[in-house]
Amino acid sequence: MRRKITLLNLGGPRTALEIETFLRDLFLDPYVFDLPLWEPLRQILAKYIAKKRAPKVRSTYESMGFGGGSPLVEETIKQTAAVVKVLNEKTSDQWFGQVAMACGYPNLKDVLKKDDGPGPNHIWVPLFPQYSRSTVLSVAKIAESIIDKYPLNEKGWLRPFGLDPRFLDVSASLILDYFQGELSENHFLHLENAKGIDDWKTVDLVFSAHGIPMRLVRKGDTYVNEIETSVLEITKRLREKGFSGEIHLSYQSRVGPAKWTEPNTKITLHELGRQGRRIAVYPISFVSDHLETLEEIGVELRDLALKSGAASYYRIPSFGTYPLFVDLLSDLILESV
């Protein structure tokens, strides 16, 4: 039997030419750019911000060295191929895969068709471990506009998996493998400090999650609760393996003047830097490396921490095609039907 998976992600511009389109899609989404405004006015403002912001972020994308764009789409393609390979090994079915993005290209609205909804032979895999209106609900609403039904509770739609004990196990394993120099560069876009960290048991570990506006929390978004629970559970697993360093949770990528989740990762790293700490940062809400991990955590926040006085700074990678993560995704896919 032929069966298909579609890995869904937020998206990113593949080249400099796609930056404004990506930003326009992002800000036009009412679940991402959620403002208490008359909808036509919100859309006008969204297009204006996208146009004004595009030139400002172009140099940032260029500095990453991926042709002026983000590596997220290509990384998602690699993850899809890795998962398909494992599914073909685990079952007698013939699996193949594709990717679709909520913003930019390949766009979800172009890739998926009305009769192509989630089911036993087509599993949709949103790559958002934790639930948020700005990610899971956003993608579900886009899908609903295509297939004429809300997919979140349908068989074949993979629900958020961030609190699954197996995901928490894999997260702890990735961190420990990084600390001990056990990761293979083949599975990661850019693996820094591949030899591990001396005296890793006492480093300060910062879990940095993508922030969200507090107005989403007030609307009942469970994202923050899920992040906090994940940190507690991963910490338990690390403690069992001998890790005794201090744990910190903070939120990055704030945009605009509205109140967002706190503490901000910049403030956390500045304070730890002032104390001369050894710092490792883990991007808890991401499954693949892109602008927010490579540039924000890997460059901007590193510079901030070191200039503040940090003794050392380490960026733990996102999952990429880490075998334990790929194996877990394949299990979750098979269980979703």
C-alpha atoms as a PDB file:
ATOM      1  CA  MET A   1       0.000   0.000   0.000  1.00  0.00           C
ATOM      2  CA  ARG A   2       1.229   3.513  -0.859  1.00  0.00           C
ATOM      3  CA  ARG A   3       1.088   5.950   2.034  1.00  0.00           C
ATOM      4  CA  LYS A   4       2.146   9.558   2.305  1.00  0.00           C
ATOM      5  CA  ILE A   5       3.349  11.953   5.009  1.00  0.00           C
ATOM      6  CA  THR A   6       3.374  15.732   4.833  1.00  0.00           C
ATOM      7  CA  LEU A   7       5.652  17.517   7.276  1.00  0.00           C
ATOM      8  CA  LEU A   8       4.274  20.965   8.060  1.00  0.00           C
ATOM      9  CA  ASN A   9       6.257  23.889   9.414  1.00  0.00           C
ATOM     10  CA  LEU A  10       5.940  27.642   9.705  1.00  0.00           C
ATOM     11  CA  GLY A  11       8.321  28.248   6.822  1.00  0.00           C
ATOM     12  CA  GLY A  12      11.156  30.551   5.877  1.00  0.00           C
ATOM     13  CA  PRO A  13      12.405  32.302   2.737  1.00  0.00           C
ATOM     14  CA  ARG A  14      14.531  29.970   0.652  1.00  0.00           C
ATOM     15  CA  THR A  15      16.226  32.925  -1.060  1.00  0.00           C
ATOM     16  CA  ALA A  16      16.391  36.690  -0.600  1.00  0.00           C
ATOM     17  CA  LEU A  17      13.691  37.055  -3.260  1.00  0.00           C
ATOM     18  CA  GLU A  18      11.191  35.253  -1.021  1.00  0.00           C
ATOM     19  CA  ILE A  19      11.730  37.308   2.145  1.00  0.00           C
ATOM     20  CA  GLU A  20       8.892  39.797   1.633  1.00  0.00           C
ATOM     21  CA  THR A  21       6.455  37.066   0.553  1.00  0.00           C
ATOM     22  CA  PHE A  22       7.295  35.046   3.642  1.00  0.00           C
ATOM     23  CA  LEU A  23       6.833  38.052   5.929  1.00  0.00           C
ATOM     24  CA  ARG A  24       3.576  39.017   4.230  1.00  0.00           C
ATOM     25  CA  ASP A  25       2.169  35.519   4.727  1.00  0.00           C
ATOM     26  CA  LEU A  26       3.354  35.583   8.336  1.00  0.00           C
ATOM     27  CA  PHE A  27       1.833  38.917   9.291  1.00  0.00           C
ATOM     28  CA  LEU A  28      -1.387  38.391   7.345  1.00  0.00           C
ATOM     29  CA  ASP A  29      -2.142  35.312   9.434  1.00  0.00           C
ATOM     30  CA  PRO A  30      -4.624  36.456  12.128  1.00  0.00           C
ATOM     31  CA  TYR A  31      -3.416  33.750  14.525  1.00  0.00           C
ATOM     32  CA  VAL A  32       0.202  34.891  14.241  1.00  0.00           C
ATOM     33  CA  PHE A  33      -0.258  38.648  13.950  1.00  0.00           C
ATOM     34  CA  ASP A  34      -3.115  38.761  16.445  1.00  0.00           C
ATOM     35  CA  LEU A  35      -4.190  42.349  17.064  1.00  0.00           C
ATOM     36  CA  PRO A  36      -7.475  43.781  18.392  1.00  0.00           C
ATOM     37  CA  LEU A  37      -8.102  45.713  15.181  1.00  0.00           C
ATOM     38  CA  TRP A  38     -10.767  45.841  12.492  1.00  0.00           C
ATOM     39  CA  GLU A  39      -9.664  43.036  10.144  1.00  0.00           C
ATOM     40  CA  PRO A  40      -9.225  45.140   6.962  1.00  0.00           C
ATOM     41  CA  LEU A  41      -7.066  47.569   8.955  1.00  0.00           C
ATOM     42  CA  ARG A  42      -5.060  44.692  10.451  1.00  0.00           C
ATOM     43  CA  GLN A  43      -4.351  43.364   6.958  1.00  0.00           C
ATOM     44  CA  ILE A  44      -3.220  46.778   5.687  1.00  0.00           C
ATOM     45  CA  LEU A  45      -0.908  47.087   8.684  1.00  0.00           C
ATOM     46  CA  ALA A  46       0.414  43.540   8.143  1.00  0.00           C
ATOM     47  CA  LYS A  47       1.366  44.255   4.524  1.00  0.00           C
ATOM     48  CA  TYR A  48       2.994  47.534   5.526  1.00  0.00           C
ATOM     49  CA  ILE A  49       5.093  45.886   8.257  1.00  0.00           C
ATOM     50  CA  ALA A  50       6.164  43.069   5.921  1.00  0.00           C
ATOM     51  CA  LYS A  51       7.296  45.552   3.269  1.00  0.00           C
ATOM     52  CA  LYS A  52       9.172  47.726   5.773  1.00  0.00           C
ATOM     53  CA  ARG A  53      10.747  44.803   7.621  1.00  0.00           C
ATOM     54  CA  ALA A  54      11.987  42.866   4.569  1.00  0.00           C
ATOM     55  CA  PRO A  55      15.037  45.070   3.836  1.00  0.00           C
ATOM     56  CA  LYS A  56      15.972  45.099   7.537  1.00  0.00           C
ATOM     57  CA  VAL A  57      16.150  41.311   7.844  1.00  0.00           C
ATOM     58  CA  ARG A  58      17.756  40.702   4.442  1.00  0.00           C
ATOM     59  CA  SER A  59      21.264  41.287   5.776  1.00  0.00           C
ATOM     60  CA  THR A  60      20.589  38.912   8.675  1.00  0.00           C
ATOM     61  CA  TYR A  61      19.584  36.128   6.304  1.00  0.00           C
ATOM     62  CA  GLU A  62      22.598  36.860   4.104  1.00  0.00           C
ATOM     63  CA  SER A  63      24.943  36.565   7.076  1.00  0.00           C
ATOM     64  CA  MET A  64      23.872  32.977   7.731  1.00  0.00           C
ATOM     65  CA  GLY A  65      25.429  31.807   4.470  1.00  0.00           C
ATOM     66  CA  PHE A  66      22.479  29.971   2.927  1.00  0.00           C
ATOM     67  CA  GLY A  67      22.085  31.961  -0.263  1.00  0.00           C
ATOM     68  CA  GLY A  68      20.304  34.866   1.368  1.00  0.00           C
ATOM     69  CA  GLY A  69      17.517  32.760   2.816  1.00  0.00           C
ATOM     70  CA  SER A  70      16.676  30.353   5.619  1.00  0.00           C
ATOM     71  CA  PRO A  71      17.696  26.687   5.715  1.00  0.00           C
ATOM     72  CA  LEU A  72      14.407  25.666   7.371  1.00  0.00           C
ATOM     73  CA  VAL A  73      12.685  24.341   4.244  1.00  0.00           C
ATOM     74  CA  GLU A  74      15.721  22.301   3.223  1.00  0.00           C
ATOM     75  CA  GLU A  75      16.093  20.964   6.756  1.00  0.00           C
ATOM     76  CA  THR A  76      12.436  19.906   6.752  1.00  0.00           C
ATOM     77  CA  ILE A  77      13.011  18.094   3.460  1.00  0.00           C
ATOM     78  CA  LYS A  78      15.932  16.218   5.055  1.00  0.00           C
ATOM     79  CA  GLN A  79      13.778  15.297   8.054  1.00  0.00           C
ATOM     80  CA  THR A  80      11.030  14.053   5.734  1.00  0.00           C
ATOM     81  CA  ALA A  81      13.450  11.830   3.819  1.00  0.00           C
ATOM     82  CA  ALA A  82      14.862  10.420   7.069  1.00  0.00           C
ATOM     83  CA  VAL A  83      11.403   9.643   8.464  1.00  0.00           C
ATOM     84  CA  VAL A  84      10.261   8.054   5.194  1.00  0.00           C
ATOM     85  CA  LYS A  85      13.321   5.803   5.239  1.00  0.00           C
ATOM     86  CA  VAL A  86      12.525   4.591   8.757  1.00  0.00           C
ATOM     87  CA  LEU A  87       8.826   4.070   7.967  1.00  0.00           C
ATOM     88  CA  ASN A  88       9.745   1.942   4.961  1.00  0.00           C
ATOM     89  CA  GLU A  89      11.999  -0.124   7.222  1.00  0.00           C
ATOM     90  CA  LYS A  90       9.353  -0.543   9.937  1.00  0.00           C
ATOM     91  CA  THR A  91       6.396  -1.450   7.727  1.00  0.00           C
ATOM     92  CA  SER A  92       5.620  -3.333   4.529  1.00  0.00           C
ATOM     93  CA  ASP A  93       3.927  -0.270   3.049  1.00  0.00           C
ATOM     94  CA  GLN A  94       5.521   2.040   0.501  1.00  0.00           C
ATOM     95  CA  TRP A  95       5.925   5.474   2.058  1.00  0.00           C
ATOM     96  CA  PHE A  96       6.775   8.762   0.429  1.00  0.00           C
ATOM     97  CA  GLY A  97       6.786  12.299   1.750  1.00  0.00           C
ATOM     98  CA  GLN A  98       6.466  15.980   1.013  1.00  0.00           C
ATOM     99  CA  VAL A  99       6.777  19.252   2.909  1.00  0.00           C
ATOM    100  CA  ALA A 100       4.460  22.237   3.167  1.00  0.00           C
ATOM    101  CA  MET A 101       4.876  25.606   4.839  1.00  0.00           C
ATOM    102  CA  ALA A 102       2.304  27.920   6.401  1.00  0.00           C
ATOM    103  CA  CYS A 103       4.274  30.945   5.153  1.00  0.00           C
ATOM    104  CA  GLY A 104       6.346  31.236   2.002  1.00  0.00           C
ATOM    105  CA  TYR A 105       7.070  28.278  -0.262  1.00  0.00           C
ATOM    106  CA  PRO A 106       6.260  25.448  -0.817  1.00  0.00           C
ATOM    107  CA  ASN A 107       3.009  26.849   0.525  1.00  0.00           C
ATOM    108  CA  LEU A 108       0.451  24.684   2.262  1.00  0.00           C
ATOM    109  CA  LYS A 109      -2.300  26.169   0.093  1.00  0.00           C
ATOM    110  CA  ASP A 110      -0.488  25.050  -3.067  1.00  0.00           C
ATOM    111  CA  VAL A 111       0.716  21.642  -1.885  1.00  0.00           C
ATOM    112  CA  LEU A 112      -2.490  20.262  -0.372  1.00  0.00           C
ATOM    113  CA  LYS A 113      -5.754  19.708  -2.224  1.00  0.00           C
ATOM    114  CA  LYS A 114      -9.366  19.493  -1.053  1.00  0.00           C
ATOM    115  CA  ASP A 115      -9.494  15.687  -1.294  1.00  0.00           C
ATOM    116  CA  ASP A 116      -6.078  15.300   0.322  1.00  0.00           C
ATOM    117  CA  GLY A 117      -7.045  15.554   3.998  1.00  0.00           C
ATOM    118  CA  PRO A 118      -5.499  13.608   6.879  1.00  0.00           C
ATOM    119  CA  GLY A 119      -6.313   9.921   7.102  1.00  0.00           C
ATOM    120  CA  PRO A 120      -4.788   6.432   7.272  1.00  0.00           C
ATOM    121  CA  ASN A 121      -2.943   6.875   3.977  1.00  0.00           C
ATOM    122  CA  HIS A 122      -1.933  10.527   4.383  1.00  0.00           C
ATOM    123  CA  ILE A 123      -0.542  11.620   7.712  1.00  0.00           C
ATOM    124  CA  TRP A 124      -0.063  15.329   8.342  1.00  0.00           C
ATOM    125  CA  VAL A 125       2.803  16.094  10.700  1.00  0.00           C
ATOM    126  CA  PRO A 126       2.908  19.638  12.139  1.00  0.00           C
ATOM    127  CA  LEU A 127       6.437  20.042  13.510  1.00  0.00           C
ATOM    128  CA  PHE A 128       5.396  22.041  16.577  1.00  0.00           C
ATOM    129  CA  PRO A 129       6.035  20.095  19.793  1.00  0.00           C
ATOM    130  CA  GLN A 130       3.877  22.412  21.915  1.00  0.00           C
ATOM    131  CA  TYR A 131       0.417  23.721  21.112  1.00  0.00           C
ATOM    132  CA  SER A 132       0.007  27.409  20.352  1.00  0.00           C
ATOM    133  CA  ARG A 133      -2.634  29.414  18.543  1.00  0.00           C
ATOM    134  CA  SER A 134       0.168  30.956  16.487  1.00  0.00           C
ATOM    135  CA  THR A 135       1.458  27.610  15.190  1.00  0.00           C
ATOM    136  CA  VAL A 136      -0.792  24.552  15.529  1.00  0.00           C
ATOM    137  CA  LEU A 137      -4.100  26.427  15.347  1.00  0.00           C
ATOM    138  CA  SER A 138      -2.800  28.625  12.535  1.00  0.00           C
ATOM    139  CA  VAL A 139      -1.818  25.636  10.395  1.00  0.00           C
ATOM    140  CA  ALA A 140      -5.068  23.815  11.243  1.00  0.00           C
ATOM    141  CA  LYS A 141      -7.107  26.815  10.111  1.00  0.00           C
ATOM    142  CA  ILE A 142      -5.196  27.022   6.831  1.00  0.00           C
ATOM    143  CA  ALA A 143      -5.830  23.311   6.326  1.00  0.00           C
ATOM    144  CA  GLU A 144      -9.523  23.794   7.133  1.00  0.00           C
ATOM    145  CA  SER A 145      -9.764  26.392   4.373  1.00  0.00           C
ATOM    146  CA  ILE A 146      -8.469  23.763   1.926  1.00  0.00           C
ATOM    147  CA  ILE A 147     -10.316  20.586   2.947  1.00  0.00           C
ATOM    148  CA  ASP A 148     -13.489  22.196   4.374  1.00  0.00           C
ATOM    149  CA  LYS A 149     -13.189  20.580   7.795  1.00  0.00           C
ATOM    150  CA  TYR A 150     -11.218  21.224  10.942  1.00  0.00           C
ATOM    151  CA  PRO A 151      -8.416  18.614  10.934  1.00  0.00           C
ATOM    152  CA  LEU A 152      -7.072  18.802  14.484  1.00  0.00           C
ATOM    153  CA  ASN A 153      -9.059  15.826  15.786  1.00  0.00           C
ATOM    154  CA  GLU A 154      -8.966  13.775  12.601  1.00  0.00           C
ATOM    155  CA  LYS A 155      -7.105  10.493  12.313  1.00  0.00           C
ATOM    156  CA  GLY A 156      -3.932  11.097  10.379  1.00  0.00           C
ATOM    157  CA  TRP A 157      -3.296  14.501  11.966  1.00  0.00           C
ATOM    158  CA  LEU A 158      -0.362  14.333  14.370  1.00  0.00           C
ATOM    159  CA  ARG A 159      -1.200  16.268  17.515  1.00  0.00           C
ATOM    160  CA  PRO A 160       1.413  18.198  19.556  1.00  0.00           C
ATOM    161  CA  PHE A 161       3.866  15.746  21.081  1.00  0.00           C
ATOM    162  CA  GLY A 162       5.907  17.963  23.418  1.00  0.00           C
ATOM    163  CA  LEU A 163       4.582  16.296  26.585  1.00  0.00           C
ATOM    164  CA  ASP A 164       4.906  12.735  25.318  1.00  0.00           C
ATOM    165  CA  PRO A 165       7.352  11.002  27.724  1.00  0.00           C
ATOM    166  CA  ARG A 166       9.259   9.621  24.749  1.00  0.00           C
ATOM    167  CA  PHE A 167       9.802  13.119  23.347  1.00  0.00           C
ATOM    168  CA  LEU A 168      11.030  14.272  26.734  1.00  0.00           C
ATOM    169  CA  ASP A 169      13.417  11.279  26.791  1.00  0.00           C
ATOM    170  CA  VAL A 170      14.732  12.160  23.324  1.00  0.00           C
ATOM    171  CA  SER A 171      15.160  15.819  24.303  1.00  0.00           C
ATOM    172  CA  ALA A 172      17.206  14.872  27.365  1.00  0.00           C
ATOM    173  CA  SER A 173      19.254  12.422  25.278  1.00  0.00           C
ATOM    174  CA  LEU A 174      20.093  15.108  22.718  1.00  0.00           C
ATOM    175  CA  ILE A 175      21.273  17.495  25.430  1.00  0.00           C
ATOM    176  CA  LEU A 176      23.358  14.803  27.139  1.00  0.00           C
ATOM    177  CA  ASP A 177      24.821  13.594  23.840  1.00  0.00           C
ATOM    178  CA  TYR A 178      25.834  17.165  23.055  1.00  0.00           C
ATOM    179  CA  PHE A 179      27.387  17.652  26.497  1.00  0.00           C
ATOM    180  CA  GLN A 180      29.377  14.442  26.135  1.00  0.00           C
ATOM    181  CA  GLY A 181      30.447  14.907  22.506  1.00  0.00           C
ATOM    182  CA  GLU A 182      28.373  11.996  21.233  1.00  0.00           C
ATOM    183  CA  LEU A 183      26.509  13.748  18.403  1.00  0.00           C
ATOM    184  CA  SER A 184      27.340  13.080  14.758  1.00  0.00           C
ATOM    185  CA  GLU A 185      27.802  16.103  12.523  1.00  0.00           C
ATOM    186  CA  ASN A 186      25.964  14.224   9.756  1.00  0.00           C
ATOM    187  CA  HIS A 187      22.631  14.802  11.489  1.00  0.00           C
ATOM    188  CA  PHE A 188      22.903  18.527  12.092  1.00  0.00           C
ATOM    189  CA  LEU A 189      23.108  21.616   9.939  1.00  0.00           C
ATOM    190  CA  HIS A 190      25.839  23.192  12.029  1.00  0.00           C
ATOM    191  CA  LEU A 191      27.196  21.352  15.057  1.00  0.00           C
ATOM    192  CA  GLU A 192      29.362  23.571  17.228  1.00  0.00           C
ATOM    193  CA  ASN A 193      31.719  22.154  19.822  1.00  0.00           C
ATOM    194  CA  ALA A 194      31.226  18.590  18.597  1.00  0.00           C
ATOM    195  CA  LYS A 195      33.760  17.298  21.152  1.00  0.00           C
ATOM    196  CA  GLY A 196      31.480  18.132  24.082  1.00  0.00           C
ATOM    197  CA  ILE A 197      31.841  20.269  27.201  1.00  0.00           C
ATOM    198  CA  ASP A 198      34.316  19.735  29.995  1.00  0.00           C
ATOM    199  CA  ASP A 199      32.638  19.626  33.411  1.00  0.00           C
ATOM    200  CA  TRP A 200      29.249  19.601  31.686  1.00  0.00           C
ATOM    201  CA  LYS A 201      27.467  18.558  34.871  1.00  0.00           C
ATOM    202  CA  THR A 202      27.776  22.052  36.361  1.00  0.00           C
ATOM    203  CA  VAL A 203      27.101  24.294  33.343  1.00  0.00           C
ATOM    204  CA  ASP A 204      24.120  26.677  33.467  1.00  0.00           C
ATOM    205  CA  LEU A 205      21.485  25.309  31.074  1.00  0.00           C
ATOM    206  CA  VAL A 206      19.099  27.834  29.541  1.00  0.00           C
ATOM    207  CA  PHE A 207      15.958  26.485  27.860  1.00  0.00           C
ATOM    208  CA  SER A 208      15.077  29.178  25.338  1.00  0.00           C
ATOM    209  CA  ALA A 209      11.579  28.987  23.870  1.00  0.00           C
ATOM    210  CA  HIS A 210      10.067  31.177  21.186  1.00  0.00           C
ATOM    211  CA  GLY A 211       8.063  33.846  22.960  1.00  0.00           C
ATOM    212  CA  ILE A 212       4.409  34.641  22.334  1.00  0.00           C
ATOM    213  CA  PRO A 213       2.356  37.754  23.135  1.00  0.00           C
ATOM    214  CA  MET A 214       0.644  37.572  26.514  1.00  0.00           C
ATOM    215  CA  ARG A 215      -2.682  38.318  24.824  1.00  0.00           C
ATOM    216  CA  LEU A 216      -2.524  34.769  23.401  1.00  0.00           C
ATOM    217  CA  VAL A 217      -2.053  33.375  26.901  1.00  0.00           C
ATOM    218  CA  ARG A 218      -5.066  35.369  28.066  1.00  0.00           C
ATOM    219  CA  LYS A 219      -7.062  33.750  25.257  1.00  0.00           C
ATOM    220  CA  GLY A 220      -6.306  30.336  26.733  1.00  0.00           C
ATOM    221  CA  ASP A 221      -3.170  29.375  24.811  1.00  0.00           C
ATOM    222  CA  THR A 222      -1.565  26.416  26.635  1.00  0.00           C
ATOM    223  CA  TYR A 223       1.901  26.978  25.143  1.00  0.00           C
ATOM    224  CA  VAL A 224       3.549  28.428  28.241  1.00  0.00           C
ATOM    225  CA  ASN A 225       2.192  25.696  30.517  1.00  0.00           C
ATOM    226  CA  GLU A 226       3.430  23.031  28.112  1.00  0.00           C
ATOM    227  CA  ILE A 227       6.875  24.634  27.878  1.00  0.00           C
ATOM    228  CA  GLU A 228       7.168  24.879  31.665  1.00  0.00           C
ATOM    229  CA  THR A 229       6.094  21.260  32.130  1.00  0.00           C
ATOM    230  CA  SER A 230       8.547  20.110  29.460  1.00  0.00           C
ATOM    231  CA  VAL A 231      11.429  21.896  31.170  1.00  0.00           C
ATOM    232  CA  LEU A 232      10.566  20.281  34.515  1.00  0.00           C
ATOM    233  CA  GLU A 233      10.353  16.811  32.970  1.00  0.00           C
ATOM    234  CA  ILE A 234      13.537  17.117  30.912  1.00  0.00           C
ATOM    235  CA  THR A 235      15.339  18.437  33.993  1.00  0.00           C
ATOM    236  CA  LYS A 236      14.291  15.333  35.952  1.00  0.00           C
ATOM    237  CA  ARG A 237      15.839  13.152  33.279  1.00  0.00           C
ATOM    238  CA  LEU A 238      19.057  15.176  33.229  1.00  0.00           C
ATOM    239  CA  ARG A 239      19.338  15.015  37.021  1.00  0.00           C
ATOM    240  CA  GLU A 240      19.059  11.234  36.852  1.00  0.00           C
ATOM    241  CA  LYS A 241      22.133  11.243  34.597  1.00  0.00           C
ATOM    242  CA  GLY A 242      24.189  13.364  36.977  1.00  0.00           C
ATOM    243  CA  PHE A 243      23.548  16.897  35.725  1.00  0.00           C
ATOM    244  CA  SER A 244      23.642  19.320  38.673  1.00  0.00           C
ATOM    245  CA  GLY A 245      23.878  22.714  36.952  1.00  0.00           C
ATOM    246  CA  GLU A 246      21.298  25.462  37.325  1.00  0.00           C
ATOM    247  CA  ILE A 247      18.282  25.418  35.005  1.00  0.00           C
ATOM    248  CA  HIS A 248      16.755  28.552  33.478  1.00  0.00           C
ATOM    249  CA  LEU A 249      13.720  29.065  31.230  1.00  0.00           C
ATOM    250  CA  SER A 250      13.421  32.176  29.069  1.00  0.00           C
ATOM    251  CA  TYR A 251      11.708  33.375  25.889  1.00  0.00           C
ATOM    252  CA  GLN A 252      13.246  34.809  22.731  1.00  0.00           C
ATOM    253  CA  SER A 253      12.278  36.505  19.449  1.00  0.00           C
ATOM    254  CA  ARG A 254      10.022  39.211  20.828  1.00  0.00           C
ATOM    255  CA  VAL A 255       8.615  41.547  18.163  1.00  0.00           C
ATOM    256  CA  GLY A 256       6.800  44.846  18.780  1.00  0.00           C
ATOM    257  CA  PRO A 257       5.887  46.812  21.901  1.00  0.00           C
ATOM    258  CA  ALA A 258       3.210  44.488  23.324  1.00  0.00           C
ATOM    259  CA  LYS A 259       3.885  42.480  26.466  1.00  0.00           C
ATOM    260  CA  TRP A 260       5.327  39.031  25.681  1.00  0.00           C
ATOM    261  CA  THR A 261       6.197  35.993  27.740  1.00  0.00           C
ATOM    262  CA  GLU A 262       9.007  36.555  30.233  1.00  0.00           C
ATOM    263  CA  PRO A 263      11.800  36.485  31.178  1.00  0.00           C
ATOM    264  CA  ASN A 264      13.363  37.495  27.910  1.00  0.00           C
ATOM    265  CA  THR A 265      16.358  35.351  26.939  1.00  0.00           C
ATOM    266  CA  LYS A 266      18.443  38.504  26.426  1.00  0.00           C
ATOM    267  CA  ILE A 267      17.919  39.538  30.040  1.00  0.00           C
ATOM    268  CA  THR A 268      18.592  36.021  31.342  1.00  0.00           C
ATOM    269  CA  LEU A 269      21.859  35.725  29.417  1.00  0.00           C
ATOM    270  CA  HIS A 270      22.980  39.213  30.370  1.00  0.00           C
ATOM    271  CA  GLU A 271      22.518  38.418  34.067  1.00  0.00           C
ATOM    272  CA  LEU A 272      24.259  35.054  33.803  1.00  0.00           C
ATOM    273  CA  GLY A 273      27.057  36.683  31.839  1.00  0.00           C
ATOM    274  CA  ARG A 274      27.572  39.316  34.522  1.00  0.00           C
ATOM    275  CA  GLN A 275      28.057  36.464  36.981  1.00  0.00           C
ATOM    276  CA  GLY A 276      30.740  34.890  34.790  1.00  0.00           C
ATOM    277  CA  ARG A 277      28.746  31.704  34.236  1.00  0.00           C
ATOM    278  CA  ARG A 278      29.366  28.909  31.751  1.00  0.00           C
ATOM    279  CA  ILE A 279      26.197  28.851  29.643  1.00  0.00           C
ATOM    280  CA  ALA A 280      24.588  26.292  27.342  1.00  0.00           C
ATOM    281  CA  VAL A 281      21.394  27.238  25.474  1.00  0.00           C
ATOM    282  CA  TYR A 282      18.858  24.679  24.280  1.00  0.00           C
ATOM    283  CA  PRO A 283      16.093  25.744  21.826  1.00  0.00           C
ATOM    284  CA  ILE A 284      13.233  23.828  23.425  1.00  0.00           C
ATOM    285  CA  SER A 285      10.446  24.879  21.047  1.00  0.00           C
ATOM    286  CA  PHE A 286      12.227  24.171  17.747  1.00  0.00           C
ATOM    287  CA  VAL A 287      12.896  20.889  15.932  1.00  0.00           C
ATOM    288  CA  SER A 288      15.184  22.213  13.189  1.00  0.00           C
ATOM    289  CA  ASP A 289      17.825  24.911  12.999  1.00  0.00           C
ATOM    290  CA  HIS A 290      17.022  28.186  11.247  1.00  0.00           C
ATOM    291  CA  LEU A 291      17.221  31.945  11.848  1.00  0.00           C
ATOM    292  CA  GLU A 292      16.146  31.861  15.507  1.00  0.00           C
ATOM    293  CA  THR A 293      18.682  29.181  16.455  1.00  0.00           C
ATOM    294  CA  LEU A 294      21.625  29.797  14.134  1.00  0.00           C
ATOM    295  CA  GLU A 295      21.603  33.590  14.104  1.00  0.00           C
ATOM    296  CA  GLU A 296      19.678  34.654  17.210  1.00  0.00           C
ATOM    297  CA  ILE A 297      20.980  32.042  19.657  1.00  0.00           C
ATOM    298  CA  GLY A 298      24.194  31.246  17.833  1.00  0.00           C
ATOM    299  CA  VAL A 299      25.404  34.783  17.116  1.00  0.00           C
ATOM    300  CA  GLU A 300      23.383  37.611  18.668  1.00  0.00           C
ATOM    301  CA  LEU A 301      22.756  36.026  22.057  1.00  0.00           C
ATOM    302  CA  ARG A 302      26.236  34.505  22.154  1.00  0.00           C
ATOM    303  CA  ASP A 303      27.775  37.945  21.648  1.00  0.00           C
ATOM    304  CA  LEU A 304      25.538  39.418  24.332  1.00  0.00           C
ATOM    305  CA  ALA A 305      26.428  36.721  26.874  1.00  0.00           C
ATOM    306  CA  LEU A 306      30.170  36.865  26.237  1.00  0.00           C
ATOM    307  CA  LYS A 307      30.278  40.663  26.257  1.00  0.00           C
ATOM    308  CA  SER A 308      28.399  40.561  29.571  1.00  0.00           C
ATOM    309  CA  GLY A 309      31.177  38.411  31.016  1.00  0.00           C
ATOM    310  CA  ALA A 310      30.151  34.779  30.462  1.00  0.00           C
ATOM    311  CA  ALA A 311      33.060  32.376  30.856  1.00  0.00           C
ATOM    312  CA  SER A 312      31.871  30.281  27.919  1.00  0.00           C
ATOM    313  CA  TYR A 313      28.813  29.840  25.724  1.00  0.00           C
ATOM    314  CA  TYR A 314      27.437  26.787  23.899  1.00  0.00           C
ATOM    315  CA  ARG A 315      24.560  26.475  21.436  1.00  0.00           C
ATOM    316  CA  ILE A 316      22.914  23.068  21.597  1.00  0.00           C
ATOM    317  CA  PRO A 317      21.442  22.238  18.169  1.00  0.00           C
ATOM    318  CA  SER A 318      17.840  21.503  17.307  1.00  0.00           C
ATOM    319  CA  PHE A 319      17.009  17.914  16.384  1.00  0.00           C
ATOM    320  CA  GLY A 320      17.740  17.957  12.661  1.00  0.00           C
ATOM    321  CA  THR A 321      17.853  14.280  11.672  1.00  0.00           C
ATOM    322  CA  TYR A 322      18.982  13.096  15.110  1.00  0.00           C
ATOM    323  CA  PRO A 323      18.187   9.342  14.868  1.00  0.00           C
ATOM    324  CA  LEU A 324      16.246   9.122  18.141  1.00  0.00           C
ATOM    325  CA  PHE A 325      14.016  12.005  17.034  1.00  0.00           C
ATOM    326  CA  VAL A 326      13.459  10.552  13.569  1.00  0.00           C
ATOM    327  CA  ASP A 327      12.576   7.181  15.108  1.00  0.00           C
ATOM    328  CA  LEU A 328      10.122   8.851  17.502  1.00  0.00           C
ATOM    329  CA  LEU A 329       8.436  10.768  14.682  1.00  0.00           C
ATOM    330  CA  SER A 330       7.981   7.536  12.745  1.00  0.00           C
ATOM    331  CA  ASP A 331       6.353   5.892  15.785  1.00  0.00           C
ATOM    332  CA  LEU A 332       4.057   8.867  16.339  1.00  0.00           C
ATOM    333  CA  ILE A 333       3.043   8.787  12.682  1.00  0.00           C
ATOM    334  CA  LEU A 334       2.167   5.103  12.824  1.00  0.00           C
ATOM    335  CA  GLU A 335       0.226   5.633  16.063  1.00  0.00           C
ATOM    336  CA  SER A 336      -1.737   8.568  14.619  1.00  0.00           C
ATOM    337  CA  VAL A 337      -3.807   6.223  12.465  1.00  0.00           C
END
